[in-house]
Amino acid sequence: MRGIPSLITDIRKQVFAEVARMAYSGDYTQMEDIPFRIVPGTNPLHRESVFLERAIAGERVRLAMGLSLQPVQTRTLLTEGMDQAAIAEQYYEAPLVNIIPYACHACPTKQYRVTELCQGCLAASCQRVCPKGAVKFVNGKSRIDQKLCIKCGKCAKSCPYHAITYLERPCQAACGMDSIGVDEYGKAKIDYDLCVSCGQCLVNCPFGAIVDKSQIYQVIRSILEGNDVVAIVAPSFAGQFGKDVTAAKFVAAMKALGFSDVVEVAAGADICAIEEARDFLEKVPTEQRFMATSCCPSWRMMARRLFPNESGNISMTYTPMVYTARLVKREKPEAKVVFVGPCAAKKLEAMQEELRQDVDFVLTYEELMGIFEAKEIDFSSLPASEPLAQATSAGRGFAQAGGVAAAVEEIIRREHPDFEVKTQRADGLRECRKLLMLAKAGKFDGYLLEGMACPGGCIAGAGTVISSDAAAKKLQQHMSEAEIQSSADSPYADLADQLNEP
C-alpha cells in the first residue's frame, strides 16, 4: 500500500508533524490538544464516533512519543509518562510494534467465502468436490458452512466463475513469521516471542491499527539542546521526499532542520561488504557450511528464533548502520548519531546494549517527512548543498534485493578471479524461511546467502513513503551517480579493522 495516498498515510503524517511541532515548542502539555487538531469538529471522518477517532489519534501520538499504549480499562491522561519520555536520551519502551485494539477491525481471517458472482449453476462442482459437505445451496446460491469447512480450497479451484474467494487478514498475510493471532474479541494480537519487528503488518493493515514507536520528539530536543547531531542516511532515501529532490537538496533540507552533517550509510555498506568477503573466504567451508549476510536485523532475528542451530552461519560482521555511526564518532566522539532509513527493525538494533554508544536515535523516512512538514521545509526553494559522495555504487546497491550479495561477490572475484562464488538470495520473510530450511538440509553448503525481510529489499521497508517500483528506479539513478563502483575501492576500506573494535 506504500506509494498510494490514503487517509491512513494522511493521519500518520499529521501525527508525526504535530509531535514535531510540539517538540520545537518545548511544551509537551500540548499533547492533550493534538487529537482535537487531527480530528476537528463534531462529526467523525471515518469511524462511527468522533470520540473513538480522537482516542485512536491519542494513542498514535503516545506511540510517536515512544510511549506505550494505555490500557482501555484504566482512566489515564494522554501525557501519562511524558516526564520520562520528553528527554533526548529516552529509548523506546518495549514492544516496538503495537496494535491499537479499538482501531482493529477484527477482519475475518482464513475463510473461503462465496461471493455474489455465484451463478447457482447445475454442475455445482464446488459442492461435489468438498470432502466435508460444507458447501450447500441456500436460496439458489452456494454457501459455505464455516463450522464444517477445513479450508482445503477445492471448492475455489473447481468454480468455473471464480466466485469463491479466500479471505485472510492483510496483517497476517504480510507477516512472514506467523506471529499475528486473534484475541478473544476477534482482534489481532502479536506474539512478541516470534515478532521480528519488520513492520510489514504495519504497512499492510487497511485500518491503520498497527503502529510502531518513534523518537521524533527526542531527536528534535537533542538538536535544540545544542548537541552536534549527525544524520546517517540509508541509500534507499533516493526519491522518498519528492521525485525532483536530489541528494544535494536533501542534504540542504537536513541542515535546515539543524543537523550538523549528513553521511551516507552506503559508506558503511562498503566496509560491511569488504568484511563479509573476508569472512566468507576465511570461514566457508572450513568453519561454516555456508555464510549468510548480516545487514538485515529482521532476517538475523528470524534465523536465531526459528533456526537456532543455523544462526551461527549468519555473518558476525557489523551492519552498515553501525559502521557508518562509528565512522562519524571516530571524527566526532561527542556527536549524536541519527540513523535515517526505511526500517522499523533498525530501531531495535540500535537499542542493543553494545550498540547504544554508536547509534543514538533512529528515524524512518515517514517520520522525517513529518518533521519536514512541521518546519515547512520547501525543497524547491533550498539552495543545493554539497552532494553525497562518501560511498560507492555497490554500497548504495545494498538497498535492493541482491545488492549485498552482489557487492560481496564482486570483491571476492576481484581478489580470486578463479574462485567460484555460489550465491542464493531471498526477500520477504516467508521466502527467507524457505531459504534457511534448504540451507539446513544441506542444499546450500559453500554458498553465500543473502536474506532481506522486506519484499524487494530495503526500498520496500516499513518506513518508506513511495512505492518500491518508484524507489528502485530512483536507487538505480543514485547508484549511477557514484564516482566509485566497487566497495573494494572505498576510501574507508583501510579503516575496517579499527571500526570493528568495540
Protein backbone atom coordinates (compact mmCIF):
# COMPACT_ATOMS: atom_id res chain seq x y z
CA MET A 1 0.00 0.00 0.00
CA ARG A 2 3.03 2.28 0.06
CA GLY A 3 3.00 4.95 -2.57
CA ILE A 4 -0.81 5.09 -2.56
CA PRO A 5 -2.03 8.19 -0.69
CA SER A 6 -4.76 7.31 1.78
CA LEU A 7 -6.47 8.52 4.92
CA ILE A 8 -4.06 6.30 6.88
CA THR A 9 -0.95 7.93 5.43
CA ASP A 10 -2.50 11.38 5.93
CA ILE A 11 -3.20 10.68 9.60
CA ARG A 12 0.28 9.25 10.21
CA LYS A 13 1.83 12.32 8.59
CA GLN A 14 -0.37 14.60 10.71
CA VAL A 15 0.62 12.80 13.90
CA PHE A 16 4.33 12.97 13.13
CA ALA A 17 4.10 16.64 12.17
CA GLU A 18 2.14 17.55 15.32
CA VAL A 19 4.62 15.72 17.56
CA ALA A 20 7.45 17.53 15.79
CA ARG A 21 5.77 20.91 16.29
CA MET A 22 5.29 20.09 19.96
CA ALA A 23 8.98 19.20 20.23
CA TYR A 24 10.00 22.50 18.68
CA SER A 25 7.74 24.37 21.11
CA GLY A 26 9.22 22.51 24.09
CA ASP A 27 5.79 22.27 25.74
CA TYR A 28 4.64 18.67 25.83
CA THR A 29 1.44 19.59 27.69
CA GLN A 30 0.10 20.41 24.20
CA MET A 31 -0.16 16.68 23.71
CA GLU A 32 -3.72 16.62 25.07
CA ASP A 33 -4.80 19.02 22.30
CA ILE A 34 -3.28 17.13 19.36
CA PRO A 35 -6.15 14.61 18.91
CA PHE A 36 -8.56 17.55 18.57
CA ARG A 37 -6.40 19.11 15.84
CA ILE A 38 -6.20 15.81 13.99
CA VAL A 39 -9.94 15.13 14.40
CA PRO A 40 -11.64 18.55 14.48
CA GLY A 41 -15.33 19.35 14.62
CA THR A 42 -18.21 17.21 15.83
CA ASN A 43 -18.63 14.67 13.05
CA PRO A 44 -16.45 11.57 12.63
CA LEU A 45 -14.37 11.34 9.48
CA HIS A 46 -14.23 7.58 9.02
CA ARG A 47 -15.43 5.74 12.14
CA GLU A 48 -18.72 5.60 13.99
CA SER A 49 -17.74 8.12 16.65
CA VAL A 50 -15.62 11.27 16.78
CA PHE A 51 -14.62 10.27 20.31
CA LEU A 52 -13.28 6.94 19.06
CA GLU A 53 -11.32 8.69 16.35
CA ARG A 54 -9.76 11.03 18.90
CA ALA A 55 -8.96 8.17 21.25
CA ILE A 56 -7.13 6.37 18.43
CA ALA A 57 -5.34 9.58 17.46
CA GLY A 58 -4.27 9.98 21.08
CA GLU A 59 -2.74 6.51 21.14
CA ARG A 60 -0.95 7.26 17.88
CA VAL A 61 0.55 10.35 19.48
CA ARG A 62 1.70 8.39 22.51
CA LEU A 63 3.39 5.80 20.31
CA ALA A 64 5.01 8.57 18.26
CA MET A 65 6.46 9.82 21.55
CA GLY A 66 7.92 6.37 22.22
CA LEU A 67 5.38 5.67 24.98
CA SER A 68 3.27 2.55 25.46
CA LEU A 69 -0.43 2.14 24.77
CA GLN A 70 -2.77 3.00 27.61
CA PRO A 71 -4.94 0.18 28.98
CA VAL A 72 -8.54 0.60 27.85
CA GLN A 73 -9.96 -0.25 31.27
CA THR A 74 -7.94 2.40 33.12
CA ARG A 75 -8.58 6.14 33.15
CA THR A 76 -5.28 7.94 32.47
CA LEU A 77 -4.12 11.19 30.94
CA LEU A 78 -2.66 11.18 27.45
CA THR A 79 0.51 12.69 28.91
CA GLU A 80 1.00 9.85 31.41
CA GLY A 81 4.72 9.03 31.48
CA MET A 82 5.75 12.07 29.46
CA ASP A 83 8.19 13.34 32.08
CA GLN A 84 10.34 10.28 31.32
CA ALA A 85 9.82 10.34 27.55
CA ALA A 86 10.44 14.04 26.96
CA ILE A 87 14.22 13.78 27.24
CA ALA A 88 16.72 13.34 24.46
CA GLU A 89 18.24 10.18 25.94
CA GLN A 90 14.98 8.21 26.15
CA TYR A 91 14.83 4.87 24.32
CA TYR A 92 11.70 3.01 23.33
CA GLU A 93 9.65 1.08 25.81
CA ALA A 94 9.07 -2.47 24.54
CA PRO A 95 7.24 -3.55 22.47
CA LEU A 96 8.18 -1.57 19.37
CA VAL A 97 5.26 -2.60 17.12
CA ASN A 98 1.78 -2.27 18.65
CA ILE A 99 -1.84 -2.94 17.75
CA ILE A 100 -4.31 -0.30 18.92
CA PRO A 101 -7.13 -2.69 19.89
CA TYR A 102 -10.08 -0.40 19.24
CA ALA A 103 -8.67 0.59 15.86
CA CYS A 104 -8.55 -3.07 14.75
CA HIS A 105 -11.47 -4.03 12.50
CA ALA A 106 -11.45 -7.68 13.63
CA CYS A 107 -11.30 -8.72 9.99
CA PRO A 108 -12.47 -12.21 9.03
CA THR A 109 -9.49 -14.48 8.56
CA LYS A 110 -8.60 -17.71 6.78
CA GLN A 111 -12.02 -18.38 5.33
CA TYR A 112 -13.34 -19.40 1.95
CA ARG A 113 -16.47 -17.44 1.08
CA VAL A 114 -18.86 -17.50 -1.84
CA THR A 115 -19.24 -14.10 -3.49
CA GLU A 116 -22.16 -12.63 -5.46
CA LEU A 117 -20.51 -13.95 -8.63
CA CYS A 118 -22.04 -17.38 -7.85
CA GLN A 119 -24.42 -18.36 -10.66
CA GLY A 120 -26.07 -21.25 -8.85
CA CYS A 121 -25.01 -23.48 -11.73
CA LEU A 122 -26.33 -27.00 -12.29
CA ALA A 123 -22.84 -28.50 -12.15
CA ALA A 124 -22.44 -27.41 -8.50
CA SER A 125 -18.84 -28.57 -8.70
CA CYS A 126 -17.97 -26.64 -5.51
CA GLN A 127 -20.39 -28.84 -3.58
CA ARG A 128 -19.34 -32.09 -5.22
CA VAL A 129 -15.60 -31.68 -4.51
CA CYS A 130 -15.99 -30.63 -0.87
CA PRO A 131 -14.77 -33.55 1.30
CA LYS A 132 -16.83 -32.41 4.31
CA GLY A 133 -20.12 -31.41 2.70
CA ALA A 134 -19.62 -27.82 3.83
CA VAL A 135 -20.99 -26.27 0.61
CA LYS A 136 -24.75 -26.25 0.05
CA PHE A 137 -27.33 -24.27 -1.91
CA VAL A 138 -29.12 -21.55 0.08
CA ASN A 139 -31.70 -19.52 -1.88
CA GLY A 140 -30.24 -20.78 -5.14
CA LYS A 141 -26.64 -19.84 -4.35
CA SER A 142 -23.80 -21.84 -2.87
CA ARG A 143 -22.90 -21.07 0.72
CA ILE A 144 -20.08 -22.44 2.88
CA ASP A 145 -20.71 -23.64 6.43
CA GLN A 146 -17.62 -22.34 8.23
CA LYS A 147 -18.04 -24.87 11.04
CA LEU A 148 -17.59 -27.74 8.58
CA CYS A 149 -15.05 -26.12 6.23
CA ILE A 150 -11.48 -27.43 6.55
CA LYS A 151 -10.09 -24.72 4.23
CA CYS A 152 -8.74 -27.14 1.64
CA GLY A 153 -9.61 -24.76 -1.20
CA LYS A 154 -11.00 -27.43 -3.52
CA CYS A 155 -14.27 -25.53 -3.95
CA ALA A 156 -12.49 -22.37 -5.08
CA LYS A 157 -10.36 -24.27 -7.59
CA SER A 158 -13.36 -26.03 -9.07
CA CYS A 159 -15.62 -22.99 -9.54
CA PRO A 160 -15.80 -22.02 -13.25
CA TYR A 161 -16.86 -18.47 -12.34
CA HIS A 162 -14.13 -17.87 -9.73
CA ALA A 163 -16.93 -16.99 -7.36
CA ILE A 164 -15.24 -18.34 -4.24
CA THR A 165 -12.56 -16.25 -2.60
CA TYR A 166 -10.12 -16.85 0.22
CA LEU A 167 -10.16 -14.24 2.97
CA GLU A 168 -7.10 -13.66 5.11
CA ARG A 169 -6.33 -10.72 7.34
CA PRO A 170 -3.86 -8.47 5.49
CA CYS A 171 -1.67 -8.17 8.58
CA GLN A 172 -1.50 -11.96 8.96
CA ALA A 173 -0.86 -12.48 5.26
CA ALA A 174 2.00 -9.96 5.38
CA CYS A 175 3.62 -11.47 8.48
CA GLY A 176 6.34 -13.86 7.38
CA MET A 177 6.80 -15.04 10.96
CA ASP A 178 3.14 -16.06 11.53
CA SER A 179 3.30 -14.02 14.71
CA ILE A 180 -0.16 -12.42 14.43
CA GLY A 181 -3.05 -14.25 16.03
CA VAL A 182 -6.53 -13.39 17.28
CA ASP A 183 -7.64 -12.49 20.81
CA GLU A 184 -10.93 -13.46 22.46
CA TYR A 185 -12.66 -10.47 20.86
CA GLY A 186 -11.53 -11.29 17.33
CA LYS A 187 -8.93 -8.51 17.37
CA ALA A 188 -5.41 -9.07 16.06
CA LYS A 189 -2.67 -9.69 18.59
CA ILE A 190 1.09 -10.08 18.21
CA ASP A 191 3.15 -12.93 19.60
CA TYR A 192 6.27 -11.00 20.54
CA ASP A 193 8.26 -14.20 21.01
CA LEU A 194 8.03 -14.59 17.23
CA CYS A 195 7.79 -10.98 16.00
CA VAL A 196 10.99 -9.59 14.46
CA SER A 197 9.63 -6.02 14.02
CA CYS A 198 9.95 -5.95 10.23
CA GLY A 199 6.83 -3.75 10.15
CA GLN A 200 5.20 -5.40 7.14
CA CYS A 201 1.97 -5.83 9.15
CA LEU A 202 2.03 -2.11 9.82
CA VAL A 203 2.05 -1.07 6.18
CA ASN A 204 -0.48 -3.72 5.15
CA CYS A 205 -3.22 -3.02 7.71
CA PRO A 206 -6.03 -1.25 5.79
CA PHE A 207 -7.34 0.29 9.02
CA GLY A 208 -4.03 1.67 10.26
CA ALA A 209 -4.43 -0.19 13.55
CA ILE A 210 -0.76 -1.25 13.77
CA VAL A 211 1.74 1.41 14.79
CA ASP A 212 5.42 1.46 15.71
CA LYS A 213 7.08 3.81 18.17
CA SER A 214 9.14 6.82 17.23
CA GLN A 215 11.88 9.13 18.51
CA ILE A 216 10.82 12.26 16.63
CA TYR A 217 10.44 14.29 19.81
CA GLN A 218 13.75 13.15 21.26
CA VAL A 219 15.74 13.87 18.06
CA ILE A 220 14.39 17.42 17.83
CA ARG A 221 15.03 18.09 21.52
CA SER A 222 18.61 16.89 21.10
CA ILE A 223 19.14 19.36 18.25
CA LEU A 224 17.55 22.21 20.22
CA GLU A 225 19.70 21.40 23.25
CA GLY A 226 22.73 22.30 21.16
CA ASN A 227 24.11 18.84 20.53
CA ASP A 228 26.16 18.12 17.43
CA VAL A 229 23.59 15.87 15.71
CA VAL A 230 24.70 14.00 12.58
CA ALA A 231 22.27 12.19 10.29
CA ILE A 232 23.43 8.98 8.66
CA VAL A 233 21.07 8.22 5.81
CA ALA A 234 20.39 4.87 4.14
CA PRO A 235 20.75 4.75 0.33
CA SER A 236 17.05 3.99 -0.16
CA PHE A 237 16.31 7.64 0.68
CA ALA A 238 16.52 8.46 -3.05
CA GLY A 239 13.12 9.65 -4.26
CA GLN A 240 11.40 9.32 -0.88
CA PHE A 241 10.93 13.08 -0.40
CA GLY A 242 9.85 14.02 -3.91
CA LYS A 243 10.83 12.91 -7.40
CA ASP A 244 12.77 16.12 -8.00
CA VAL A 245 14.58 16.16 -4.64
CA THR A 246 18.23 15.48 -5.39
CA ALA A 247 20.76 14.23 -2.84
CA ALA A 248 22.17 17.76 -2.63
CA LYS A 249 18.71 19.21 -1.94
CA PHE A 250 18.09 16.56 0.69
CA VAL A 251 21.33 17.45 2.48
CA ALA A 252 20.35 21.13 2.41
CA ALA A 253 16.95 20.28 3.91
CA MET A 254 18.55 18.24 6.69
CA LYS A 255 20.88 21.08 7.58
CA ALA A 256 17.89 23.44 7.60
CA LEU A 257 16.45 21.20 10.33
CA GLY A 258 19.61 21.66 12.37
CA PHE A 259 21.60 18.53 11.56
CA SER A 260 25.29 19.40 11.51
CA ASP A 261 26.15 16.90 8.79
CA VAL A 262 24.70 14.14 6.61
CA VAL A 263 26.67 10.96 5.89
CA GLU A 264 25.79 8.08 3.60
CA VAL A 265 25.15 4.74 5.29
CA ALA A 266 26.29 3.25 1.98
CA ALA A 267 29.82 4.16 3.13
CA GLY A 268 29.34 1.69 5.98
CA ALA A 269 27.87 -0.77 3.49
CA ASP A 270 31.16 -0.73 1.61
CA ILE A 271 33.02 -1.68 4.79
CA CYS A 272 30.42 -4.36 5.51
CA ALA A 273 30.93 -5.86 2.04
CA ILE A 274 34.71 -5.92 2.50
CA GLU A 275 34.41 -7.63 5.88
CA GLU A 276 31.86 -10.19 4.71
CA ALA A 277 34.01 -11.07 1.70
CA ARG A 278 36.95 -11.64 4.03
CA ASP A 279 34.84 -13.71 6.42
CA PHE A 280 33.47 -15.85 3.62
CA LEU A 281 36.92 -16.67 2.28
CA GLU A 282 38.24 -17.48 5.73
CA LYS A 283 35.33 -19.46 7.16
CA VAL A 284 33.49 -21.24 4.34
CA PRO A 285 33.63 -24.22 4.31
CA THR A 286 36.35 -24.78 6.94
CA GLU A 287 34.41 -23.27 9.87
CA GLN A 288 30.91 -22.80 8.44
CA ARG A 289 28.88 -24.80 5.92
CA PHE A 290 27.61 -21.56 4.41
CA MET A 291 27.58 -17.87 5.29
CA ALA A 292 24.54 -15.60 5.38
CA THR A 293 24.74 -11.82 5.19
CA SER A 294 24.22 -9.73 8.32
CA CYS A 295 22.78 -6.36 7.30
CA CYS A 296 19.03 -7.04 7.81
CA PRO A 297 18.16 -7.20 11.54
CA SER A 298 14.80 -8.93 10.99
CA TRP A 299 16.46 -11.64 8.89
CA ARG A 300 19.01 -12.22 11.67
CA MET A 301 16.33 -12.34 14.38
CA MET A 302 14.27 -14.77 12.31
CA ALA A 303 17.27 -17.07 11.93
CA ARG A 304 18.00 -17.02 15.66
CA ARG A 305 14.41 -17.73 16.65
CA LEU A 306 13.42 -20.33 14.07
CA PHE A 307 16.77 -21.84 13.11
CA PRO A 308 18.94 -21.56 16.23
CA ASN A 309 21.30 -24.31 15.07
CA GLU A 310 21.94 -22.44 11.81
CA SER A 311 22.19 -18.93 13.24
CA GLY A 312 25.93 -19.42 13.74
CA ASN A 313 26.24 -19.29 9.96
CA ILE A 314 24.98 -15.69 9.91
CA SER A 315 27.92 -13.32 9.45
CA MET A 316 29.07 -11.60 12.63
CA THR A 317 30.03 -8.51 10.62
CA TYR A 318 28.53 -5.27 11.90
CA THR A 319 25.76 -3.72 9.82
CA PRO A 320 26.22 -0.68 7.54
CA MET A 321 24.38 1.46 10.12
CA VAL A 322 26.89 0.58 12.84
CA TYR A 323 29.97 1.03 10.64
CA THR A 324 28.74 4.44 9.45
CA ALA A 325 27.94 5.55 13.00
CA ARG A 326 31.45 4.55 14.06
CA LEU A 327 32.92 6.47 11.14
CA VAL A 328 31.12 9.57 12.42
CA LYS A 329 32.09 9.10 16.06
CA ARG A 330 35.69 8.41 15.08
CA GLU A 331 35.85 12.04 13.91
CA LYS A 332 33.28 13.47 16.33
CA PRO A 333 33.24 11.44 19.56
CA GLU A 334 30.67 13.71 21.23
CA ALA A 335 28.24 13.77 18.29
CA LYS A 336 24.75 12.32 18.45
CA VAL A 337 24.07 9.99 15.52
CA VAL A 338 20.61 9.62 13.97
CA PHE A 339 20.08 6.76 11.55
CA VAL A 340 17.52 7.76 8.90
CA GLY A 341 16.20 4.85 6.91
CA PRO A 342 13.34 2.64 5.74
CA CYS A 343 13.45 0.08 8.52
CA ALA A 344 11.41 -0.38 11.70
CA ALA A 345 13.69 -3.16 12.93
CA LYS A 346 16.69 -0.83 12.94
CA LYS A 347 15.08 0.80 15.97
CA LEU A 348 15.52 -2.45 17.86
CA GLU A 349 19.05 -2.95 16.56
CA ALA A 350 20.07 0.48 17.85
CA MET A 351 18.66 -0.38 21.29
CA GLN A 352 21.06 -3.30 21.77
CA GLU A 353 23.23 -2.61 24.78
CA GLU A 354 26.51 -2.98 22.87
CA LEU A 355 25.39 -0.57 20.13
CA ARG A 356 23.81 2.25 22.13
CA GLN A 357 27.08 4.14 22.16
CA ASP A 358 27.13 4.05 18.35
CA VAL A 359 23.58 4.99 17.27
CA ASP A 360 21.65 7.42 19.45
CA PHE A 361 18.37 7.70 17.50
CA VAL A 362 16.52 6.09 14.60
CA LEU A 363 14.01 7.78 12.29
CA THR A 364 12.15 6.36 9.31
CA TYR A 365 11.60 8.36 6.13
CA GLU A 366 7.94 8.68 7.01
CA GLU A 367 8.80 10.17 10.41
CA LEU A 368 11.35 12.52 8.87
CA MET A 369 8.71 13.68 6.40
CA GLY A 370 6.61 14.74 9.40
CA ILE A 371 9.50 16.86 10.68
CA PHE A 372 9.92 18.50 7.27
CA GLU A 373 6.17 19.24 7.35
CA ALA A 374 6.38 20.78 10.82
CA LYS A 375 9.26 23.06 9.81
CA GLU A 376 7.55 23.87 6.49
CA ILE A 377 10.62 22.90 4.51
CA ASP A 378 10.21 23.87 0.84
CA PHE A 379 12.69 21.75 -1.10
CA SER A 380 12.27 23.80 -4.27
CA SER A 381 13.44 27.00 -2.58
CA LEU A 382 16.50 25.48 -0.91
CA PRO A 383 19.94 26.06 -2.41
CA ALA A 384 21.65 22.77 -3.24
CA SER A 385 24.21 21.67 -0.67
CA GLU A 386 27.26 19.52 -1.27
CA PRO A 387 26.17 16.22 -2.85
CA LEU A 388 26.70 12.94 -1.05
CA ALA A 389 29.96 11.40 -2.21
CA GLN A 390 31.20 9.09 0.54
CA ALA A 391 30.02 5.78 -0.93
CA THR A 392 30.37 3.54 -3.95
CA SER A 393 27.72 2.36 -6.37
CA ALA A 394 27.93 -1.14 -4.87
CA GLY A 395 27.45 0.22 -1.35
CA ARG A 396 24.35 2.11 -2.44
CA GLY A 397 23.11 -1.09 -4.04
CA PHE A 398 22.67 -2.66 -0.59
CA ALA A 399 19.20 -1.09 -0.57
CA GLN A 400 17.78 -3.52 -3.14
CA ALA A 401 17.35 -7.27 -3.02
CA GLY A 402 20.50 -8.94 -4.31
CA GLY A 403 22.66 -5.88 -3.75
CA VAL A 404 24.51 -7.15 -0.69
CA ALA A 405 25.47 -10.48 -2.26
CA ALA A 406 26.48 -8.72 -5.47
CA ALA A 407 28.85 -6.36 -3.63
CA VAL A 408 30.46 -9.19 -1.65
CA GLU A 409 30.74 -11.44 -4.70
CA GLU A 410 32.43 -8.68 -6.74
CA ILE A 411 35.12 -8.23 -4.08
CA ILE A 412 35.79 -11.97 -3.87
CA ARG A 413 36.01 -12.32 -7.66
CA ARG A 414 38.39 -9.39 -7.87
CA GLU A 415 40.76 -10.92 -5.34
CA HIS A 416 40.31 -14.52 -6.55
CA PRO A 417 39.23 -14.46 -10.20
CA ASP A 418 39.25 -18.25 -10.49
CA PHE A 419 37.16 -18.79 -7.36
CA GLU A 420 33.56 -19.88 -7.96
CA VAL A 421 31.25 -17.82 -5.75
CA LYS A 422 27.89 -19.51 -5.39
CA THR A 423 25.13 -17.21 -4.12
CA GLN A 424 21.45 -17.52 -3.34
CA ARG A 425 19.08 -14.88 -2.03
CA ALA A 426 15.58 -14.43 -0.68
CA ASP A 427 13.50 -11.37 0.12
CA GLY A 428 10.38 -11.42 2.24
CA LEU A 429 10.46 -13.41 5.46
CA ARG A 430 8.48 -16.36 4.13
CA GLU A 431 10.99 -16.80 1.33
CA CYS A 432 13.84 -16.27 3.79
CA ARG A 433 12.48 -19.09 5.93
CA LYS A 434 12.40 -21.39 2.89
CA LEU A 435 15.98 -20.42 2.09
CA LEU A 436 17.23 -21.32 5.55
CA MET A 437 15.19 -24.52 5.57
CA LEU A 438 17.01 -25.60 2.40
CA ALA A 439 20.33 -24.47 3.85
CA LYS A 440 19.64 -26.51 6.98
CA ALA A 441 19.07 -29.53 4.75
CA GLY A 442 22.48 -29.04 3.17
CA LYS A 443 21.28 -27.69 -0.17
CA PHE A 444 23.46 -24.57 0.02
CA ASP A 445 26.72 -25.78 1.50
CA GLY A 446 29.52 -23.48 0.37
CA TYR A 447 27.09 -20.71 -0.60
CA LEU A 448 26.85 -17.03 0.26
CA LEU A 449 23.21 -16.43 1.23
CA GLU A 450 21.51 -13.05 1.29
CA GLY A 451 18.32 -12.54 3.25
CA MET A 452 16.13 -9.44 3.39
CA ALA A 453 12.91 -9.32 5.40
CA CYS A 454 11.12 -6.84 3.14
CA PRO A 455 9.98 -7.95 -0.35
CA GLY A 456 12.29 -6.20 -2.78
CA GLY A 457 14.76 -5.23 -0.08
CA CYS A 458 15.15 -2.03 1.94
CA ILE A 459 13.48 0.02 -0.78
CA ALA A 460 10.23 -1.59 0.42
CA GLY A 461 10.83 -1.13 4.14
CA ALA A 462 8.02 -0.29 6.53
CA GLY A 463 9.18 3.30 6.93
CA THR A 464 9.26 4.19 3.24
CA VAL A 465 6.95 6.70 1.59
CA ILE A 466 6.89 5.80 -2.11
CA SER A 467 6.21 2.53 -3.93
CA SER A 468 9.02 0.01 -4.22
CA ASP A 469 8.96 0.29 -8.03
CA ALA A 470 9.49 4.05 -7.89
CA ALA A 471 12.14 3.63 -5.20
CA ALA A 472 14.00 1.05 -7.29
CA LYS A 473 14.23 3.47 -10.23
CA LYS A 474 15.49 6.29 -8.03
CA LEU A 475 18.02 4.00 -6.40
CA GLN A 476 19.42 3.00 -9.79
CA GLN A 477 19.85 6.68 -10.60
CA HIS A 478 21.55 7.28 -7.25
CA MET A 479 23.88 4.33 -7.86
CA SER A 480 24.80 5.62 -11.33
CA GLU A 481 25.87 8.95 -9.82
CA ALA A 482 28.53 7.35 -7.61
CA GLU A 483 32.09 8.17 -8.65
CA ILE A 484 33.43 4.79 -7.48
CA GLN A 485 31.86 1.48 -8.47
CA SER A 486 33.33 -1.26 -6.27
CA SER A 487 33.19 -1.43 -2.48
CA ALA A 488 36.80 -2.64 -2.61
CA ASP A 489 37.82 0.86 -3.74
CA SER A 490 36.04 2.65 -0.89
CA PRO A 491 38.10 5.46 0.67
CA TYR A 492 37.30 3.89 4.05
CA ALA A 493 38.48 0.38 3.15
CA ASP A 494 41.57 0.62 5.38
CA LEU A 495 39.52 1.56 8.46
CA ALA A 496 37.63 -1.73 8.77
CA ASP A 497 39.84 -3.18 11.50
CA GLN A 498 39.60 -0.01 13.61
CA LEU A 499 35.83 0.12 13.25
CA ASN A 500 35.48 -3.49 14.36
CA GLU A 501 36.91 -2.66 17.77
CA PRO A 502 34.21 -2.41 20.48
